[in-house]
Amino acid sequence: MATAWQALKEKFQNQERCDKPSCTEGIGAKNSKVVYPPDRSQIGRANWKYVHSRSANFPEIPSAVERQRELAWIHSFIYTYPCGICARDFTAICSRIPPALSSRKEYEDWWVVVHNEVNKDLSKPVFQKIA
């Protein structure tokens, strides 16, 4: 039986490149009358704010149901992410570093670690954990 991470890997394994507008950087001209979806960097910034604030509001000591619900949310978040390449790469990170959901602090720290993994892949600066 395939794990959830394996199932996500299979979903994205055949996508060599993403040609959706959301996977590009700055596709729409500023003065264009065409409305484009947010590009990859805009989506990324908004989602990092969202997931970090989500983890900050996670229960300090979550119940088993809350942990399972959050894990299901992470799977759905990846599955529906607009950029297939980003989703595929994040699935690989989550396979290597599974979500840590035992406490709010652990979950917040996990998001910092995986955000840093993405930043390393993109040659961006990494963040330090706040003690």
N, C-alpha and C. Protein backbone atom coordinates (compact mmCIF):
# COMPACT_ATOMS: atom_id res chain seq x y z
N MET A 1 0.85 -1.19 0.00
CA MET A 1 0.00 0.00 0.00
C MET A 1 0.89 1.25 0.00
N ALA A 2 0.60 2.17 -0.87
CA ALA A 2 1.40 3.38 -1.00
C ALA A 2 1.09 4.36 0.13
N THR A 3 2.12 5.03 0.61
CA THR A 3 1.90 6.07 1.61
C THR A 3 1.35 7.30 0.90
N ALA A 4 0.87 8.23 1.70
CA ALA A 4 0.35 9.47 1.12
C ALA A 4 1.45 10.21 0.35
N TRP A 5 2.68 10.19 0.87
CA TRP A 5 3.78 10.86 0.19
C TRP A 5 4.10 10.17 -1.13
N GLN A 6 4.06 8.84 -1.15
CA GLN A 6 4.31 8.11 -2.39
C GLN A 6 3.22 8.42 -3.42
N ALA A 7 1.98 8.50 -2.96
CA ALA A 7 0.89 8.83 -3.87
C ALA A 7 1.07 10.22 -4.47
N LEU A 8 1.51 11.18 -3.65
CA LEU A 8 1.77 12.52 -4.17
C LEU A 8 2.94 12.51 -5.14
N LYS A 9 3.99 11.74 -4.84
CA LYS A 9 5.13 11.64 -5.74
C LYS A 9 4.69 11.11 -7.10
N GLU A 10 3.83 10.08 -7.09
CA GLU A 10 3.33 9.50 -8.34
C GLU A 10 2.53 10.52 -9.14
N LYS A 11 1.74 11.34 -8.44
CA LYS A 11 0.95 12.37 -9.13
C LYS A 11 1.85 13.32 -9.92
N PHE A 12 2.99 13.68 -9.34
CA PHE A 12 3.84 14.70 -9.93
C PHE A 12 5.01 14.15 -10.74
N GLN A 13 5.22 12.84 -10.73
CA GLN A 13 6.42 12.30 -11.38
C GLN A 13 6.49 12.53 -12.88
N ASN A 14 5.37 12.64 -13.55
CA ASN A 14 5.36 12.80 -15.00
C ASN A 14 5.40 14.25 -15.45
N GLN A 15 5.40 15.17 -14.52
CA GLN A 15 5.41 16.58 -14.89
C GLN A 15 6.86 17.06 -14.94
N GLU A 16 7.42 17.11 -16.13
CA GLU A 16 8.80 17.55 -16.29
C GLU A 16 8.93 19.06 -16.18
N ARG A 17 7.96 19.75 -16.69
CA ARG A 17 7.98 21.20 -16.54
C ARG A 17 6.54 21.69 -16.45
N CYS A 18 6.40 22.79 -15.79
CA CYS A 18 5.07 23.36 -15.61
C CYS A 18 4.95 24.57 -16.51
N ASP A 19 3.96 24.58 -17.36
CA ASP A 19 3.79 25.72 -18.25
C ASP A 19 2.54 26.53 -17.93
N LYS A 20 1.99 26.30 -16.74
CA LYS A 20 0.84 27.08 -16.31
C LYS A 20 1.31 28.50 -15.98
N PRO A 21 0.46 29.50 -16.17
CA PRO A 21 0.88 30.87 -15.84
C PRO A 21 1.37 31.02 -14.40
N SER A 22 0.81 30.24 -13.47
CA SER A 22 1.21 30.36 -12.07
C SER A 22 2.62 29.85 -11.83
N CYS A 23 3.20 29.14 -12.78
CA CYS A 23 4.56 28.61 -12.61
C CYS A 23 5.61 29.54 -13.18
N THR A 24 5.19 30.58 -13.82
CA THR A 24 6.14 31.51 -14.43
C THR A 24 6.37 32.69 -13.50
N GLU A 25 7.33 33.48 -13.84
CA GLU A 25 7.61 34.68 -13.07
C GLU A 25 7.20 35.89 -13.90
N GLY A 26 6.26 36.67 -13.41
CA GLY A 26 5.89 37.93 -14.04
C GLY A 26 5.40 37.81 -15.46
N ILE A 27 4.48 36.89 -15.74
CA ILE A 27 4.00 36.69 -17.11
C ILE A 27 3.20 37.89 -17.63
N GLY A 28 2.45 38.53 -16.75
CA GLY A 28 1.58 39.61 -17.20
C GLY A 28 2.28 40.95 -17.21
N ALA A 29 2.11 41.67 -18.29
CA ALA A 29 2.66 43.02 -18.36
C ALA A 29 1.87 43.92 -17.43
N LYS A 30 2.53 44.88 -16.86
CA LYS A 30 1.88 45.78 -15.90
C LYS A 30 0.68 46.50 -16.51
N ASN A 31 0.77 46.89 -17.77
CA ASN A 31 -0.30 47.64 -18.40
C ASN A 31 -1.25 46.76 -19.21
N SER A 32 -1.10 45.46 -19.09
CA SER A 32 -1.94 44.55 -19.84
C SER A 32 -3.36 44.55 -19.29
N LYS A 33 -4.33 44.40 -20.20
CA LYS A 33 -5.72 44.30 -19.77
C LYS A 33 -6.09 42.85 -19.46
N VAL A 34 -5.17 41.94 -19.76
CA VAL A 34 -5.41 40.53 -19.46
C VAL A 34 -5.12 40.31 -17.99
N VAL A 35 -6.00 39.60 -17.32
CA VAL A 35 -5.81 39.29 -15.90
C VAL A 35 -5.15 37.92 -15.80
N TYR A 36 -3.97 37.90 -15.21
CA TYR A 36 -3.24 36.65 -15.02
C TYR A 36 -3.31 36.24 -13.56
N PRO A 37 -3.18 34.93 -13.31
CA PRO A 37 -3.13 34.50 -11.90
C PRO A 37 -1.81 34.96 -11.30
N PRO A 38 -1.71 34.93 -9.98
CA PRO A 38 -0.43 35.27 -9.36
C PRO A 38 0.67 34.36 -9.89
N ASP A 39 1.89 34.91 -10.02
CA ASP A 39 2.99 34.08 -10.49
C ASP A 39 3.58 33.29 -9.32
N ARG A 40 4.57 32.47 -9.62
CA ARG A 40 5.13 31.55 -8.64
C ARG A 40 5.67 32.28 -7.41
N SER A 41 6.35 33.38 -7.59
CA SER A 41 6.91 34.08 -6.43
C SER A 41 5.80 34.71 -5.58
N GLN A 42 4.77 35.24 -6.22
CA GLN A 42 3.64 35.81 -5.47
C GLN A 42 2.90 34.73 -4.69
N ILE A 43 2.66 33.61 -5.33
CA ILE A 43 1.99 32.49 -4.66
C ILE A 43 2.85 32.01 -3.49
N GLY A 44 4.15 31.88 -3.74
CA GLY A 44 5.05 31.40 -2.69
C GLY A 44 5.06 32.29 -1.47
N ARG A 45 5.22 33.59 -1.68
CA ARG A 45 5.24 34.53 -0.54
C ARG A 45 3.95 34.46 0.26
N ALA A 46 2.82 34.46 -0.44
CA ALA A 46 1.53 34.41 0.25
C ALA A 46 1.37 33.11 1.02
N ASN A 47 1.77 32.01 0.41
CA ASN A 47 1.61 30.73 1.09
C ASN A 47 2.55 30.56 2.26
N TRP A 48 3.78 31.08 2.17
CA TRP A 48 4.68 30.99 3.33
C TRP A 48 4.09 31.76 4.51
N LYS A 49 3.52 32.95 4.25
CA LYS A 49 2.87 33.70 5.34
C LYS A 49 1.74 32.87 5.94
N TYR A 50 0.97 32.26 5.06
CA TYR A 50 -0.17 31.47 5.51
C TYR A 50 0.25 30.28 6.36
N VAL A 51 1.21 29.48 5.89
CA VAL A 51 1.57 28.27 6.64
C VAL A 51 2.27 28.61 7.95
N HIS A 52 3.07 29.67 7.95
CA HIS A 52 3.73 30.04 9.21
C HIS A 52 2.70 30.56 10.23
N SER A 53 1.72 31.34 9.78
CA SER A 53 0.69 31.80 10.71
C SER A 53 -0.21 30.65 11.13
N ARG A 54 -0.44 29.71 10.22
CA ARG A 54 -1.23 28.53 10.56
C ARG A 54 -0.55 27.74 11.68
N SER A 55 0.76 27.54 11.55
CA SER A 55 1.48 26.78 12.59
C SER A 55 1.50 27.55 13.91
N ALA A 56 1.55 28.87 13.86
CA ALA A 56 1.54 29.67 15.09
C ALA A 56 0.21 29.57 15.82
N ASN A 57 -0.84 29.19 15.10
CA ASN A 57 -2.16 29.03 15.71
C ASN A 57 -2.54 27.58 15.94
N PHE A 58 -1.62 26.67 15.70
CA PHE A 58 -1.85 25.25 15.96
C PHE A 58 -1.95 25.05 17.47
N PRO A 59 -2.75 24.11 17.93
CA PRO A 59 -2.85 23.90 19.39
C PRO A 59 -1.49 23.60 20.02
N GLU A 60 -1.29 24.13 21.23
CA GLU A 60 -0.02 23.88 21.91
C GLU A 60 0.22 22.39 22.09
N ILE A 61 -0.81 21.68 22.52
CA ILE A 61 -0.76 20.22 22.64
C ILE A 61 -1.96 19.67 21.85
N PRO A 62 -1.76 19.36 20.58
CA PRO A 62 -2.89 18.92 19.74
C PRO A 62 -3.35 17.50 20.07
N SER A 63 -4.63 17.28 19.89
CA SER A 63 -5.18 15.93 20.04
C SER A 63 -4.81 15.09 18.83
N ALA A 64 -5.04 13.81 18.91
CA ALA A 64 -4.77 12.92 17.78
C ALA A 64 -5.60 13.34 16.56
N VAL A 65 -6.82 13.75 16.80
CA VAL A 65 -7.69 14.19 15.71
C VAL A 65 -7.14 15.46 15.07
N GLU A 66 -6.67 16.41 15.88
CA GLU A 66 -6.11 17.66 15.35
C GLU A 66 -4.84 17.39 14.55
N ARG A 67 -4.00 16.46 15.02
CA ARG A 67 -2.79 16.11 14.28
C ARG A 67 -3.14 15.46 12.94
N GLN A 68 -4.10 14.56 12.94
CA GLN A 68 -4.52 13.88 11.72
C GLN A 68 -5.15 14.87 10.74
N ARG A 69 -5.95 15.77 11.26
CA ARG A 69 -6.59 16.79 10.41
C ARG A 69 -5.53 17.69 9.76
N GLU A 70 -4.50 18.04 10.53
CA GLU A 70 -3.45 18.91 9.98
C GLU A 70 -2.64 18.17 8.91
N LEU A 71 -2.35 16.91 9.15
CA LEU A 71 -1.62 16.13 8.15
C LEU A 71 -2.44 16.01 6.86
N ALA A 72 -3.74 15.80 7.01
CA ALA A 72 -4.61 15.74 5.83
C ALA A 72 -4.62 17.08 5.11
N TRP A 73 -4.59 18.19 5.87
CA TRP A 73 -4.54 19.50 5.26
C TRP A 73 -3.24 19.68 4.47
N ILE A 74 -2.11 19.26 5.03
CA ILE A 74 -0.83 19.38 4.32
C ILE A 74 -0.88 18.60 3.01
N HIS A 75 -1.42 17.39 3.03
CA HIS A 75 -1.54 16.60 1.80
C HIS A 75 -2.41 17.34 0.78
N SER A 76 -3.53 17.89 1.22
CA SER A 76 -4.42 18.63 0.31
C SER A 76 -3.75 19.89 -0.22
N PHE A 77 -3.03 20.57 0.65
CA PHE A 77 -2.30 21.79 0.26
C PHE A 77 -1.33 21.47 -0.88
N ILE A 78 -0.57 20.40 -0.73
CA ILE A 78 0.38 20.01 -1.77
C ILE A 78 -0.35 19.57 -3.03
N TYR A 79 -1.37 18.75 -2.87
CA TYR A 79 -2.09 18.18 -4.00
C TYR A 79 -2.71 19.26 -4.88
N THR A 80 -3.17 20.32 -4.26
CA THR A 80 -3.86 21.38 -5.03
C THR A 80 -2.97 22.59 -5.31
N TYR A 81 -1.70 22.53 -4.94
CA TYR A 81 -0.81 23.68 -5.15
C TYR A 81 -0.76 24.02 -6.64
N PRO A 82 -0.88 25.29 -7.01
CA PRO A 82 -0.98 25.64 -8.42
C PRO A 82 0.24 25.32 -9.28
N CYS A 83 1.42 25.28 -8.69
CA CYS A 83 2.63 24.97 -9.46
C CYS A 83 3.00 23.50 -9.23
N GLY A 84 2.89 22.71 -10.27
CA GLY A 84 3.18 21.28 -10.16
C GLY A 84 4.62 20.98 -9.80
N ILE A 85 5.55 21.78 -10.31
CA ILE A 85 6.97 21.57 -10.00
C ILE A 85 7.22 21.85 -8.52
N CYS A 86 6.68 22.93 -8.01
CA CYS A 86 6.84 23.26 -6.60
C CYS A 86 6.21 22.16 -5.72
N ALA A 87 5.04 21.70 -6.11
CA ALA A 87 4.36 20.65 -5.34
C ALA A 87 5.18 19.36 -5.34
N ARG A 88 5.73 19.02 -6.48
CA ARG A 88 6.56 17.81 -6.58
C ARG A 88 7.79 17.93 -5.68
N ASP A 89 8.46 19.06 -5.75
CA ASP A 89 9.66 19.25 -4.95
C ASP A 89 9.34 19.28 -3.46
N PHE A 90 8.21 19.89 -3.10
CA PHE A 90 7.84 19.94 -1.68
C PHE A 90 7.44 18.56 -1.17
N THR A 91 6.84 17.76 -2.03
CA THR A 91 6.52 16.38 -1.65
C THR A 91 7.79 15.62 -1.30
N ALA A 92 8.83 15.82 -2.08
CA ALA A 92 10.11 15.14 -1.80
C ALA A 92 10.67 15.60 -0.46
N ILE A 93 10.57 16.87 -0.16
CA ILE A 93 11.04 17.38 1.12
C ILE A 93 10.25 16.76 2.26
N CYS A 94 8.92 16.70 2.13
CA CYS A 94 8.08 16.13 3.18
C CYS A 94 8.32 14.63 3.35
N SER A 95 8.72 13.97 2.29
CA SER A 95 9.06 12.55 2.39
C SER A 95 10.33 12.37 3.23
N ARG A 96 11.29 13.27 3.04
CA ARG A 96 12.55 13.21 3.79
C ARG A 96 12.39 13.71 5.22
N ILE A 97 11.55 14.74 5.38
CA ILE A 97 11.37 15.39 6.67
C ILE A 97 9.86 15.44 6.96
N PRO A 98 9.30 14.35 7.49
CA PRO A 98 7.85 14.30 7.71
C PRO A 98 7.37 15.38 8.68
N PRO A 99 6.14 15.84 8.49
CA PRO A 99 5.59 16.86 9.37
C PRO A 99 5.67 16.45 10.84
N ALA A 100 6.07 17.40 11.67
CA ALA A 100 6.19 17.19 13.11
C ALA A 100 5.00 17.88 13.77
N LEU A 101 4.10 17.09 14.30
CA LEU A 101 2.82 17.62 14.76
C LEU A 101 2.52 17.35 16.24
N SER A 102 3.53 17.05 17.02
CA SER A 102 3.28 16.72 18.43
C SER A 102 2.96 17.93 19.30
N SER A 103 3.40 19.11 18.86
CA SER A 103 3.12 20.34 19.61
C SER A 103 3.19 21.53 18.65
N ARG A 104 2.68 22.65 19.12
CA ARG A 104 2.76 23.88 18.32
C ARG A 104 4.22 24.21 18.01
N LYS A 105 5.07 24.18 19.03
CA LYS A 105 6.49 24.51 18.85
C LYS A 105 7.14 23.59 17.82
N GLU A 106 6.87 22.31 17.92
CA GLU A 106 7.44 21.35 16.97
C GLU A 106 6.95 21.63 15.55
N TYR A 107 5.69 21.95 15.42
CA TYR A 107 5.10 22.24 14.11
C TYR A 107 5.67 23.54 13.53
N GLU A 108 5.78 24.57 14.36
CA GLU A 108 6.38 25.82 13.90
C GLU A 108 7.82 25.58 13.44
N ASP A 109 8.58 24.83 14.23
CA ASP A 109 9.97 24.53 13.88
C ASP A 109 10.05 23.73 12.58
N TRP A 110 9.12 22.79 12.40
CA TRP A 110 9.11 21.99 11.18
C TRP A 110 8.94 22.88 9.96
N TRP A 111 8.01 23.85 10.03
CA TRP A 111 7.81 24.74 8.90
C TRP A 111 9.05 25.57 8.61
N VAL A 112 9.79 25.98 9.63
CA VAL A 112 11.03 26.71 9.41
C VAL A 112 12.04 25.82 8.69
N VAL A 113 12.15 24.57 9.14
CA VAL A 113 13.09 23.63 8.53
C VAL A 113 12.74 23.39 7.06
N VAL A 114 11.47 23.12 6.76
CA VAL A 114 11.12 22.83 5.37
C VAL A 114 11.17 24.09 4.51
N HIS A 115 10.86 25.25 5.10
CA HIS A 115 10.99 26.50 4.36
C HIS A 115 12.46 26.71 3.99
N ASN A 116 13.35 26.41 4.92
CA ASN A 116 14.79 26.51 4.63
C ASN A 116 15.22 25.53 3.55
N GLU A 117 14.64 24.35 3.54
CA GLU A 117 14.96 23.38 2.48
C GLU A 117 14.58 23.93 1.11
N VAL A 118 13.41 24.54 1.03
CA VAL A 118 12.97 25.16 -0.22
C VAL A 118 13.92 26.31 -0.58
N ASN A 119 14.25 27.14 0.41
CA ASN A 119 15.16 28.26 0.14
C ASN A 119 16.52 27.77 -0.35
N LYS A 120 17.03 26.68 0.22
CA LYS A 120 18.30 26.12 -0.25
C LYS A 120 18.18 25.70 -1.71
N ASP A 121 17.07 25.03 -2.04
CA ASP A 121 16.85 24.59 -3.42
C ASP A 121 16.81 25.78 -4.39
N LEU A 122 16.32 26.91 -3.90
CA LEU A 122 16.19 28.12 -4.73
C LEU A 122 17.38 29.06 -4.57
N SER A 123 18.40 28.62 -3.85
CA SER A 123 19.61 29.44 -3.57
C SER A 123 19.24 30.75 -2.88
N LYS A 124 18.31 30.68 -1.95
CA LYS A 124 17.90 31.85 -1.17
C LYS A 124 18.46 31.69 0.25
N PRO A 125 18.52 32.79 1.00
CA PRO A 125 19.00 32.71 2.39
C PRO A 125 18.08 31.85 3.25
N VAL A 126 18.67 31.23 4.26
CA VAL A 126 17.88 30.42 5.19
C VAL A 126 17.60 31.23 6.44
N PHE A 127 16.55 30.82 7.16
CA PHE A 127 16.12 31.49 8.39
C PHE A 127 16.65 30.74 9.59
N GLN A 128 16.85 31.46 10.67
CA GLN A 128 17.23 30.84 11.92
C GLN A 128 15.97 30.63 12.75
N LYS A 129 15.92 29.50 13.45
CA LYS A 129 14.79 29.25 14.35
C LYS A 129 14.84 30.23 15.50
N ILE A 130 13.68 30.67 15.94
CA ILE A 130 13.59 31.54 17.11
C ILE A 130 13.49 30.63 18.32
N ALA A 131 14.34 30.89 19.29
CA ALA A 131 14.37 30.05 20.49
C ALA A 131 13.13 30.17 21.32
